[in-house]
Amino acid sequence: HGARGTARKAAIGAQYRIAGKSGTAQVVAIKQGEKYDRTKVQERHRDHALFVGFAPADNPKIVVAVMVENGESGSGVAAPVVRQVLDAWLLDENGHLKPEYAGSLNLEAAAREE
């Protein structure tokens, strides 16, 4: 997760690096020249929120794709869901990185030092 990524807030405090891509999918067409105004769009017509993420970033062990119907923001709505799934997979019941993934972090640190 980079300092400028749109979904960076979803990675705050993570014990591993996350890589991913956020996006939205337009549900209904907006007339040419019009701007999207969520207050004028029925909830069922609002954009879908998308995020695909994998971790650890430099030696992936899991990839997760989430689409939230009418969620509007991939980085603000779908990315936090991906983070929850990644945490459930990579962390133990005490919130620590499981031993089988700790080696992945050592590889990441070595790659950054090179």
C-alpha atoms as a PDB file:
ATOM      1  CA  HIS A   1       0.000   0.000   0.000  1.00  0.00           C
ATOM      2  CA  GLY A   2       1.485   3.294  -1.068  1.00  0.00           C
ATOM      3  CA  ALA A   3       1.178   6.703   0.517  1.00  0.00           C
ATOM      4  CA  ARG A   4      -0.857   7.992  -2.437  1.00  0.00           C
ATOM      5  CA  GLY A   5      -3.112   5.005  -3.132  1.00  0.00           C
ATOM      6  CA  THR A   6      -6.842   5.674  -3.041  1.00  0.00           C
ATOM      7  CA  ALA A   7      -7.430   2.719  -0.698  1.00  0.00           C
ATOM      8  CA  ARG A   8      -4.513   3.485   1.637  1.00  0.00           C
ATOM      9  CA  LYS A   9      -6.808   4.108   4.614  1.00  0.00           C
ATOM     10  CA  ALA A  10      -7.982   0.492   4.479  1.00  0.00           C
ATOM     11  CA  ALA A  11      -4.372  -0.639   5.035  1.00  0.00           C
ATOM     12  CA  ILE A  12      -3.595   1.543   8.055  1.00  0.00           C
ATOM     13  CA  GLY A  13      -2.156  -0.587  10.847  1.00  0.00           C
ATOM     14  CA  ALA A  14      -1.787  -3.724   8.727  1.00  0.00           C
ATOM     15  CA  GLN A  15       1.055  -6.061   9.690  1.00  0.00           C
ATOM     16  CA  TYR A  16       1.629  -6.828   6.010  1.00  0.00           C
ATOM     17  CA  ARG A  17       1.655  -4.851   2.757  1.00  0.00           C
ATOM     18  CA  ILE A  18      -1.481  -4.907   0.633  1.00  0.00           C
ATOM     19  CA  ALA A  19      -1.563  -4.308  -3.113  1.00  0.00           C
ATOM     20  CA  GLY A  20      -4.759  -3.743  -5.007  1.00  0.00           C
ATOM     21  CA  LYS A  21      -6.932  -1.742  -7.344  1.00  0.00           C
ATOM     22  CA  SER A  22     -10.135   0.100  -6.571  1.00  0.00           C
ATOM     23  CA  GLY A  23     -12.849   1.023  -8.998  1.00  0.00           C
ATOM     24  CA  THR A  24     -16.474   1.758  -9.647  1.00  0.00           C
ATOM     25  CA  ALA A  25     -18.952   0.464 -12.204  1.00  0.00           C
ATOM     26  CA  GLN A  26     -21.598   2.829 -13.462  1.00  0.00           C
ATOM     27  CA  VAL A  27     -25.119   1.417 -13.115  1.00  0.00           C
ATOM     28  CA  VAL A  28     -27.039   3.877 -15.281  1.00  0.00           C
ATOM     29  CA  ALA A  29     -25.882   6.251 -17.971  1.00  0.00           C
ATOM     30  CA  ILE A  30     -25.450   9.921 -17.197  1.00  0.00           C
ATOM     31  CA  LYS A  31     -26.262  12.342 -19.983  1.00  0.00           C
ATOM     32  CA  GLN A  32     -23.341  13.881 -21.797  1.00  0.00           C
ATOM     33  CA  GLY A  33     -22.243  17.061 -20.062  1.00  0.00           C
ATOM     34  CA  GLU A  34     -23.949  16.129 -16.772  1.00  0.00           C
ATOM     35  CA  LYS A  35     -22.004  15.479 -13.580  1.00  0.00           C
ATOM     36  CA  TYR A  36     -22.734  12.630 -11.209  1.00  0.00           C
ATOM     37  CA  ASP A  37     -24.699  13.884  -8.204  1.00  0.00           C
ATOM     38  CA  ARG A  38     -25.445  11.114  -5.735  1.00  0.00           C
ATOM     39  CA  THR A  39     -28.278  13.133  -4.168  1.00  0.00           C
ATOM     40  CA  LYS A  40     -30.156  13.062  -7.477  1.00  0.00           C
ATOM     41  CA  VAL A  41     -29.616   9.355  -8.168  1.00  0.00           C
ATOM     42  CA  GLN A  42     -31.857   6.672  -6.679  1.00  0.00           C
ATOM     43  CA  GLU A  43     -29.896   4.363  -4.392  1.00  0.00           C
ATOM     44  CA  ARG A  44     -30.466   1.386  -6.699  1.00  0.00           C
ATOM     45  CA  HIS A  45     -28.869   3.353  -9.554  1.00  0.00           C
ATOM     46  CA  ARG A  46     -25.721   4.395  -7.695  1.00  0.00           C
ATOM     47  CA  ASP A  47     -22.335   3.103  -8.846  1.00  0.00           C
ATOM     48  CA  HIS A  48     -21.090  -0.302  -7.718  1.00  0.00           C
ATOM     49  CA  ALA A  49     -17.912  -0.288  -5.593  1.00  0.00           C
ATOM     50  CA  LEU A  50     -15.037  -2.623  -6.478  1.00  0.00           C
ATOM     51  CA  PHE A  51     -11.713  -3.580  -4.938  1.00  0.00           C
ATOM     52  CA  VAL A  52      -9.315  -6.415  -5.695  1.00  0.00           C
ATOM     53  CA  GLY A  53      -6.428  -6.837  -3.272  1.00  0.00           C
ATOM     54  CA  PHE A  54      -3.678  -9.317  -2.533  1.00  0.00           C
ATOM     55  CA  ALA A  55      -1.230  -9.818   0.310  1.00  0.00           C
ATOM     56  CA  PRO A  56       1.523  -9.932   1.300  1.00  0.00           C
ATOM     57  CA  ALA A  57       2.220  -7.596  -1.614  1.00  0.00           C
ATOM     58  CA  ASP A  58       5.671  -8.912  -2.561  1.00  0.00           C
ATOM     59  CA  ASN A  59       4.917 -12.600  -2.019  1.00  0.00           C
ATOM     60  CA  PRO A  60       1.135 -13.030  -2.343  1.00  0.00           C
ATOM     61  CA  LYS A  61      -0.620 -15.829  -0.504  1.00  0.00           C
ATOM     62  CA  ILE A  62      -4.217 -14.678  -0.996  1.00  0.00           C
ATOM     63  CA  VAL A  63      -6.221 -12.538  -3.403  1.00  0.00           C
ATOM     64  CA  VAL A  64      -9.683 -11.173  -2.624  1.00  0.00           C
ATOM     65  CA  ALA A  65     -12.158  -9.447  -4.939  1.00  0.00           C
ATOM     66  CA  VAL A  66     -15.158  -7.571  -3.548  1.00  0.00           C
ATOM     67  CA  MET A  67     -18.038  -5.845  -5.306  1.00  0.00           C
ATOM     68  CA  VAL A  68     -20.532  -3.901  -3.188  1.00  0.00           C
ATOM     69  CA  GLU A  69     -23.722  -3.278  -5.088  1.00  0.00           C
ATOM     70  CA  ASN A  70     -24.486   0.457  -5.201  1.00  0.00           C
ATOM     71  CA  GLY A  71     -21.588   1.046  -2.774  1.00  0.00           C
ATOM     72  CA  GLU A  72     -20.315   4.059  -4.768  1.00  0.00           C
ATOM     73  CA  SER A  73     -16.673   3.953  -3.615  1.00  0.00           C
ATOM     74  CA  GLY A  74     -14.231   1.126  -4.247  1.00  0.00           C
ATOM     75  CA  SER A  75     -11.615   2.563  -1.933  1.00  0.00           C
ATOM     76  CA  GLY A  76     -14.013   3.673   0.792  1.00  0.00           C
ATOM     77  CA  VAL A  77     -16.477   0.778   0.834  1.00  0.00           C
ATOM     78  CA  ALA A  78     -15.077  -2.328  -0.887  1.00  0.00           C
ATOM     79  CA  ALA A  79     -11.417  -2.006   0.217  1.00  0.00           C
ATOM     80  CA  PRO A  80     -12.215  -2.211   3.960  1.00  0.00           C
ATOM     81  CA  VAL A  81     -14.122  -5.456   3.311  1.00  0.00           C
ATOM     82  CA  VAL A  82     -11.083  -6.869   1.497  1.00  0.00           C
ATOM     83  CA  ARG A  83      -8.920  -5.849   4.464  1.00  0.00           C
ATOM     84  CA  GLN A  84     -11.195  -7.749   6.860  1.00  0.00           C
ATOM     85  CA  VAL A  85     -10.941 -10.900   4.741  1.00  0.00           C
ATOM     86  CA  LEU A  86      -7.143 -10.567   4.434  1.00  0.00           C
ATOM     87  CA  ASP A  87      -6.829 -10.105   8.202  1.00  0.00           C
ATOM     88  CA  ALA A  88      -9.010 -13.169   8.827  1.00  0.00           C
ATOM     89  CA  TRP A  89      -6.769 -15.238   6.561  1.00  0.00           C
ATOM     90  CA  LEU A  90      -3.325 -13.914   7.532  1.00  0.00           C
ATOM     91  CA  LEU A  91      -3.677 -13.144  11.261  1.00  0.00           C
ATOM     92  CA  ASP A  92      -4.142 -15.449  14.233  1.00  0.00           C
ATOM     93  CA  GLU A  93      -6.797 -15.038  16.936  1.00  0.00           C
ATOM     94  CA  ASN A  94      -4.532 -12.559  18.769  1.00  0.00           C
ATOM     95  CA  GLY A  95      -4.145 -10.327  15.730  1.00  0.00           C
ATOM     96  CA  HIS A  96      -0.569 -11.419  14.971  1.00  0.00           C
ATOM     97  CA  LEU A  97       0.677 -12.583  11.604  1.00  0.00           C
ATOM     98  CA  LYS A  98       0.446 -16.376  11.420  1.00  0.00           C
ATOM     99  CA  PRO A  99       3.902 -18.059  11.454  1.00  0.00           C
ATOM    100  CA  GLU A 100       3.428 -19.528   7.972  1.00  0.00           C
ATOM    101  CA  TYR A 101       3.192 -15.991   6.541  1.00  0.00           C
ATOM    102  CA  ALA A 102       5.941 -14.374   8.613  1.00  0.00           C
ATOM    103  CA  GLY A 103       8.542 -15.591   6.086  1.00  0.00           C
ATOM    104  CA  SER A 104       6.719 -13.609   3.401  1.00  0.00           C
ATOM    105  CA  LEU A 105       7.337 -10.414   5.335  1.00  0.00           C
ATOM    106  CA  ASN A 106      11.029 -11.204   5.651  1.00  0.00           C
ATOM    107  CA  LEU A 107      11.196 -11.583   1.863  1.00  0.00           C
ATOM    108  CA  GLU A 108       9.414  -8.241   1.440  1.00  0.00           C
ATOM    109  CA  ALA A 109      11.825  -6.468   3.788  1.00  0.00           C
ATOM    110  CA  ALA A 110      14.838  -7.955   1.986  1.00  0.00           C
ATOM    111  CA  ALA A 111      13.454  -6.899  -1.408  1.00  0.00           C
ATOM    112  CA  ARG A 112      12.967  -3.306  -0.208  1.00  0.00           C
ATOM    113  CA  GLU A 113      16.536  -3.156   1.127  1.00  0.00           C
ATOM    114  CA  GLU A 114      18.060  -4.193  -2.228  1.00  0.00           C
END
